[in-house]
Amino acid sequence: MKAHCPNNSQHDRFITVAHVVQTWVVDSEGNFLESVSDDEVSHGPDSGNTWTCEDCGADAVVEG
């Protein structure tokens, strides 16, 4: 997978999503009380996500 900015080929930092998992302590109704684990990535960036150039805000072109 390779992303590039359509406005400037020197722009090489992008904003996209990753899914993060935490282990929580909850009460009997499922309300969050505290986190008992470090964040763990369950799914990293994907070519199907929206990628935005961090420098200029353009929608990046993602290949692969």
PDB file of N, CA and C in Angstrom:
ATOM      1  N   MET A   1       0.856  -1.164   0.000  1.00  0.00           N
ATOM      2  CA  MET A   1       0.000   0.000   0.000  1.00  0.00           C
ATOM      3  C   MET A   1       0.908   1.234   0.000  1.00  0.00           C
ATOM      4  N   LYS A   2       0.510   2.238  -0.764  1.00  0.00           N
ATOM      5  CA  LYS A   2       1.290   3.477  -0.863  1.00  0.00           C
ATOM      6  C   LYS A   2       0.317   4.639  -1.029  1.00  0.00           C
ATOM      7  N   ALA A   3       0.498   5.665  -0.198  1.00  0.00           N
ATOM      8  CA  ALA A   3      -0.337   6.869  -0.301  1.00  0.00           C
ATOM      9  C   ALA A   3       0.517   8.018  -0.801  1.00  0.00           C
ATOM     10  N   HIS A   4      -0.121   8.913  -1.554  1.00  0.00           N
ATOM     11  CA  HIS A   4       0.569  10.138  -1.940  1.00  0.00           C
ATOM     12  C   HIS A   4      -0.429  11.287  -2.017  1.00  0.00           C
ATOM     13  N   CYS A   5       0.108  12.476  -1.799  1.00  0.00           N
ATOM     14  CA  CYS A   5      -0.698  13.693  -1.859  1.00  0.00           C
ATOM     15  C   CYS A   5      -0.820  14.122  -3.315  1.00  0.00           C
ATOM     16  N   PRO A   6      -2.044  14.390  -3.790  1.00  0.00           N
ATOM     17  CA  PRO A   6      -2.207  14.816  -5.178  1.00  0.00           C
ATOM     18  C   PRO A   6      -1.721  16.246  -5.425  1.00  0.00           C
ATOM     19  N   ASN A   7      -1.506  17.023  -4.345  1.00  0.00           N
ATOM     20  CA  ASN A   7      -1.082  18.415  -4.491  1.00  0.00           C
ATOM     21  C   ASN A   7       0.429  18.605  -4.450  1.00  0.00           C
ATOM     22  N   ASN A   8       1.131  17.719  -3.718  1.00  0.00           N
ATOM     23  CA  ASN A   8       2.569  17.903  -3.549  1.00  0.00           C
ATOM     24  C   ASN A   8       3.204  16.562  -3.191  1.00  0.00           C
ATOM     25  N   SER A   9       4.079  16.075  -4.036  1.00  0.00           N
ATOM     26  CA  SER A   9       4.697  14.766  -3.806  1.00  0.00           C
ATOM     27  C   SER A   9       5.638  14.771  -2.602  1.00  0.00           C
ATOM     28  N   GLN A  10       6.008  15.941  -2.104  1.00  0.00           N
ATOM     29  CA  GLN A  10       6.868  16.028  -0.913  1.00  0.00           C
ATOM     30  C   GLN A  10       6.082  15.807   0.384  1.00  0.00           C
ATOM     31  N   HIS A  11       4.764  15.944   0.339  1.00  0.00           N
ATOM     32  CA  HIS A  11       3.927  15.701   1.522  1.00  0.00           C
ATOM     33  C   HIS A  11       3.871  14.195   1.750  1.00  0.00           C
ATOM     34  N   ASP A  12       4.341  13.745   2.903  1.00  0.00           N
ATOM     35  CA  ASP A  12       4.412  12.301   3.144  1.00  0.00           C
ATOM     36  C   ASP A  12       3.864  11.881   4.509  1.00  0.00           C
ATOM     37  N   ARG A  13       2.990  12.717   5.085  1.00  0.00           N
ATOM     38  CA  ARG A  13       2.334  12.376   6.352  1.00  0.00           C
ATOM     39  C   ARG A  13       0.824  12.490   6.154  1.00  0.00           C
ATOM     40  N   PHE A  14       0.111  11.453   6.611  1.00  0.00           N
ATOM     41  CA  PHE A  14      -1.321  11.357   6.345  1.00  0.00           C
ATOM     42  C   PHE A  14      -2.087  11.037   7.618  1.00  0.00           C
ATOM     43  N   ILE A  15      -3.338  11.446   7.640  1.00  0.00           N
ATOM     44  CA  ILE A  15      -4.237  11.152   8.759  1.00  0.00           C
ATOM     45  C   ILE A  15      -5.229  10.100   8.292  1.00  0.00           C
ATOM     46  N   THR A  16      -5.328   9.014   9.038  1.00  0.00           N
ATOM     47  CA  THR A  16      -6.288   7.944   8.755  1.00  0.00           C
ATOM     48  C   THR A  16      -6.622   7.278  10.081  1.00  0.00           C
ATOM     49  N   VAL A  17      -7.382   6.207  10.069  1.00  0.00           N
ATOM     50  CA  VAL A  17      -7.804   5.574  11.321  1.00  0.00           C
ATOM     51  C   VAL A  17      -7.135   4.218  11.517  1.00  0.00           C
ATOM     52  N   ALA A  18      -7.007   3.870  12.782  1.00  0.00           N
ATOM     53  CA  ALA A  18      -6.636   2.528  13.211  1.00  0.00           C
ATOM     54  C   ALA A  18      -7.597   2.180  14.342  1.00  0.00           C
ATOM     55  N   HIS A  19      -7.923   0.924  14.481  1.00  0.00           N
ATOM     56  CA  HIS A  19      -8.835   0.496  15.541  1.00  0.00           C
ATOM     57  C   HIS A  19      -8.012   0.001  16.726  1.00  0.00           C
ATOM     58  N   VAL A  20      -8.316   0.558  17.901  1.00  0.00           N
ATOM     59  CA  VAL A  20      -7.560   0.274  19.114  1.00  0.00           C
ATOM     60  C   VAL A  20      -8.462  -0.430  20.120  1.00  0.00           C
ATOM     61  N   VAL A  21      -7.888  -1.409  20.823  1.00  0.00           N
ATOM     62  CA  VAL A  21      -8.631  -2.187  21.812  1.00  0.00           C
ATOM     63  C   VAL A  21      -8.042  -1.923  23.192  1.00  0.00           C
ATOM     64  N   GLN A  22      -8.915  -1.766  24.178  1.00  0.00           N
ATOM     65  CA  GLN A  22      -8.508  -1.654  25.575  1.00  0.00           C
ATOM     66  C   GLN A  22      -9.298  -2.670  26.382  1.00  0.00           C
ATOM     67  N   THR A  23      -8.712  -3.151  27.456  1.00  0.00           N
ATOM     68  CA  THR A  23      -9.438  -3.978  28.416  1.00  0.00           C
ATOM     69  C   THR A  23      -9.912  -3.067  29.536  1.00  0.00           C
ATOM     70  N   TRP A  24     -11.206  -3.117  29.821  1.00  0.00           N
ATOM     71  CA  TRP A  24     -11.818  -2.215  30.787  1.00  0.00           C
ATOM     72  C   TRP A  24     -12.341  -2.969  32.003  1.00  0.00           C
ATOM     73  N   VAL A  25     -12.395  -2.282  33.116  1.00  0.00           N
ATOM     74  CA  VAL A  25     -13.188  -2.680  34.267  1.00  0.00           C
ATOM     75  C   VAL A  25     -14.490  -1.892  34.145  1.00  0.00           C
ATOM     76  N   VAL A  26     -15.624  -2.600  34.260  1.00  0.00           N
ATOM     77  CA  VAL A  26     -16.935  -1.967  34.162  1.00  0.00           C
ATOM     78  C   VAL A  26     -17.777  -2.343  35.367  1.00  0.00           C
ATOM     79  N   ASP A  27     -18.845  -1.574  35.594  1.00  0.00           N
ATOM     80  CA  ASP A  27     -19.770  -1.939  36.665  1.00  0.00           C
ATOM     81  C   ASP A  27     -20.807  -2.916  36.120  1.00  0.00           C
ATOM     82  N   SER A  28     -21.788  -3.264  36.939  1.00  0.00           N
ATOM     83  CA  SER A  28     -22.775  -4.282  36.558  1.00  0.00           C
ATOM     84  C   SER A  28     -23.671  -3.850  35.401  1.00  0.00           C
ATOM     85  N   GLU A  29     -23.648  -2.553  35.054  1.00  0.00           N
ATOM     86  CA  GLU A  29     -24.442  -2.060  33.929  1.00  0.00           C
ATOM     87  C   GLU A  29     -23.582  -1.796  32.691  1.00  0.00           C
ATOM     88  N   GLY A  30     -22.302  -2.150  32.777  1.00  0.00           N
ATOM     89  CA  GLY A  30     -21.406  -1.972  31.637  1.00  0.00           C
ATOM     90  C   GLY A  30     -20.802  -0.591  31.522  1.00  0.00           C
ATOM     91  N   ASN A  31     -20.943   0.222  32.558  1.00  0.00           N
ATOM     92  CA  ASN A  31     -20.358   1.566  32.546  1.00  0.00           C
ATOM     93  C   ASN A  31     -18.865   1.499  32.830  1.00  0.00           C
ATOM     94  N   PHE A  32     -18.093   2.255  32.056  1.00  0.00           N
ATOM     95  CA  PHE A  32     -16.648   2.291  32.200  1.00  0.00           C
ATOM     96  C   PHE A  32     -16.235   2.764  33.582  1.00  0.00           C
ATOM     97  N   LEU A  33     -15.299   2.049  34.195  1.00  0.00           N
ATOM     98  CA  LEU A  33     -14.722   2.466  35.471  1.00  0.00           C
ATOM     99  C   LEU A  33     -13.238   2.809  35.302  1.00  0.00           C
ATOM    100  N   GLU A  34     -12.502   1.935  34.641  1.00  0.00           N
ATOM    101  CA  GLU A  34     -11.085   2.201  34.405  1.00  0.00           C
ATOM    102  C   GLU A  34     -10.542   1.249  33.350  1.00  0.00           C
ATOM    103  N   SER A  35      -9.455   1.661  32.736  1.00  0.00           N
ATOM    104  CA  SER A  35      -8.755   0.820  31.773  1.00  0.00           C
ATOM    105  C   SER A  35      -7.690   0.030  32.520  1.00  0.00           C
ATOM    106  N   VAL A  36      -7.569  -1.250  32.207  1.00  0.00           N
ATOM    107  CA  VAL A  36      -6.572  -2.082  32.892  1.00  0.00           C
ATOM    108  C   VAL A  36      -5.529  -2.638  31.917  1.00  0.00           C
ATOM    109  N   SER A  37      -5.477  -2.059  30.719  1.00  0.00           N
ATOM    110  CA  SER A  37      -4.463  -2.520  29.765  1.00  0.00           C
ATOM    111  C   SER A  37      -3.982  -1.351  28.928  1.00  0.00           C
ATOM    112  N   ASP A  38      -2.818  -1.518  28.349  1.00  0.00           N
ATOM    113  CA  ASP A  38      -2.341  -0.556  27.368  1.00  0.00           C
ATOM    114  C   ASP A  38      -3.140  -0.746  26.093  1.00  0.00           C
ATOM    115  N   ASP A  39      -3.191   0.304  25.280  1.00  0.00           N
ATOM    116  CA  ASP A  39      -3.892   0.202  24.007  1.00  0.00           C
ATOM    117  C   ASP A  39      -3.233  -0.861  23.137  1.00  0.00           C
ATOM    118  N   GLU A  40      -4.058  -1.599  22.412  1.00  0.00           N
ATOM    119  CA  GLU A  40      -3.589  -2.630  21.494  1.00  0.00           C
ATOM    120  C   GLU A  40      -4.277  -2.388  20.156  1.00  0.00           C
ATOM    121  N   VAL A  41      -3.524  -2.359  19.079  1.00  0.00           N
ATOM    122  CA  VAL A  41      -4.100  -2.122  17.759  1.00  0.00           C
ATOM    123  C   VAL A  41      -4.690  -3.428  17.231  1.00  0.00           C
ATOM    124  N   SER A  42      -6.000  -3.399  16.919  1.00  0.00           N
ATOM    125  CA  SER A  42      -6.631  -4.598  16.366  1.00  0.00           C
ATOM    126  C   SER A  42      -6.651  -4.560  14.846  1.00  0.00           C
ATOM    127  N   HIS A  43      -6.705  -3.373  14.253  1.00  0.00           N
ATOM    128  CA  HIS A  43      -6.665  -3.208  12.797  1.00  0.00           C
ATOM    129  C   HIS A  43      -5.930  -1.915  12.493  1.00  0.00           C
ATOM    130  N   GLY A  44      -4.849  -2.033  11.760  1.00  0.00           N
ATOM    131  CA  GLY A  44      -4.082  -0.853  11.375  1.00  0.00           C
ATOM    132  C   GLY A  44      -4.709  -0.159  10.184  1.00  0.00           C
ATOM    133  N   PRO A  45      -4.050   0.874   9.676  1.00  0.00           N
ATOM    134  CA  PRO A  45      -4.562   1.600   8.518  1.00  0.00           C
ATOM    135  C   PRO A  45      -4.819   0.673   7.331  1.00  0.00           C
ATOM    136  N   ASP A  46      -5.868   0.981   6.583  1.00  0.00           N
ATOM    137  CA  ASP A  46      -6.319   0.159   5.473  1.00  0.00           C
ATOM    138  C   ASP A  46      -6.488   1.045   4.249  1.00  0.00           C
ATOM    139  N   SER A  47      -6.249   0.490   3.079  1.00  0.00           N
ATOM    140  CA  SER A  47      -6.388   1.282   1.852  1.00  0.00           C
ATOM    141  C   SER A  47      -7.833   1.702   1.600  1.00  0.00           C
ATOM    142  N   GLY A  48      -8.791   1.042   2.231  1.00  0.00           N
ATOM    143  CA  GLY A  48     -10.195   1.405   2.087  1.00  0.00           C
ATOM    144  C   GLY A  48     -10.613   2.578   2.964  1.00  0.00           C
ATOM    145  N   ASN A  49      -9.754   2.971   3.897  1.00  0.00           N
ATOM    146  CA  ASN A  49     -10.035   4.115   4.770  1.00  0.00           C
ATOM    147  C   ASN A  49      -9.858   5.418   4.003  1.00  0.00           C
ATOM    148  N   THR A  50     -10.374   6.493   4.564  1.00  0.00           N
ATOM    149  CA  THR A  50     -10.072   7.827   4.057  1.00  0.00           C
ATOM    150  C   THR A  50      -8.700   8.226   4.591  1.00  0.00           C
ATOM    151  N   TRP A  51      -7.844   8.689   3.702  1.00  0.00           N
ATOM    152  CA  TRP A  51      -6.524   9.192   4.073  1.00  0.00           C
ATOM    153  C   TRP A  51      -6.484  10.672   3.690  1.00  0.00           C
ATOM    154  N   THR A  52      -6.029  11.517   4.609  1.00  0.00           N
ATOM    155  CA  THR A  52      -5.973  12.952   4.370  1.00  0.00           C
ATOM    156  C   THR A  52      -4.538  13.419   4.573  1.00  0.00           C
ATOM    157  N   CYS A  53      -4.055  14.236   3.653  1.00  0.00           N
ATOM    158  CA  CYS A  53      -2.713  14.797   3.776  1.00  0.00           C
ATOM    159  C   CYS A  53      -2.661  15.676   5.015  1.00  0.00           C
ATOM    160  N   GLU A  54      -1.698  15.409   5.895  1.00  0.00           N
ATOM    161  CA  GLU A  54      -1.583  16.199   7.118  1.00  0.00           C
ATOM    162  C   GLU A  54      -1.135  17.632   6.815  1.00  0.00           C
ATOM    163  N   ASP A  55      -0.384  17.829   5.741  1.00  0.00           N
ATOM    164  CA  ASP A  55       0.147  19.153   5.425  1.00  0.00           C
ATOM    165  C   ASP A  55      -0.894  20.080   4.806  1.00  0.00           C
ATOM    166  N   CYS A  56      -1.667  19.594   3.826  1.00  0.00           N
ATOM    167  CA  CYS A  56      -2.553  20.504   3.094  1.00  0.00           C
ATOM    168  C   CYS A  56      -4.037  20.130   3.160  1.00  0.00           C
ATOM    169  N   GLY A  57      -4.365  18.968   3.736  1.00  0.00           N
ATOM    170  CA  GLY A  57      -5.763  18.587   3.886  1.00  0.00           C
ATOM    171  C   GLY A  57      -6.389  17.927   2.677  1.00  0.00           C
ATOM    172  N   ALA A  58      -5.598  17.661   1.638  1.00  0.00           N
ATOM    173  CA  ALA A  58      -6.134  17.013   0.448  1.00  0.00           C
ATOM    174  C   ALA A  58      -6.456  15.553   0.714  1.00  0.00           C
ATOM    175  N   ASP A  59      -7.454  15.021  -0.005  1.00  0.00           N
ATOM    176  CA  ASP A  59      -7.716  13.591   0.038  1.00  0.00           C
ATOM    177  C   ASP A  59      -6.577  12.891  -0.672  1.00  0.00           C
ATOM    178  N   ALA A  60      -5.888  12.010   0.036  1.00  0.00           N
ATOM    179  CA  ALA A  60      -4.743  11.313  -0.531  1.00  0.00           C
ATOM    180  C   ALA A  60      -5.201  10.253  -1.531  1.00  0.00           C
ATOM    181  N   VAL A  61      -4.298   9.901  -2.420  1.00  0.00           N
ATOM    182  CA  VAL A  61      -4.501   8.796  -3.340  1.00  0.00           C
ATOM    183  C   VAL A  61      -3.779   7.601  -2.746  1.00  0.00           C
ATOM    184  N   VAL A  62      -4.519   6.509  -2.513  1.00  0.00           N
ATOM    185  CA  VAL A  62      -3.934   5.314  -1.906  1.00  0.00           C
ATOM    186  C   VAL A  62      -3.984   4.192  -2.921  1.00  0.00           C
ATOM    187  N   GLU A  63      -2.846   3.578  -3.162  1.00  0.00           N
ATOM    188  CA  GLU A  63      -2.747   2.482  -4.124  1.00  0.00           C
ATOM    189  C   GLU A  63      -2.293   1.219  -3.404  1.00  0.00           C
ATOM    190  N   GLY A  64      -2.850   0.112  -3.854  1.00  0.00           N
ATOM    191  CA  GLY A  64      -2.400  -1.177  -3.327  1.00  0.00           C
ATOM    192  C   GLY A  64      -3.105  -1.708  -2.174  1.00  0.00           C
TER     193      GLY A  64
END
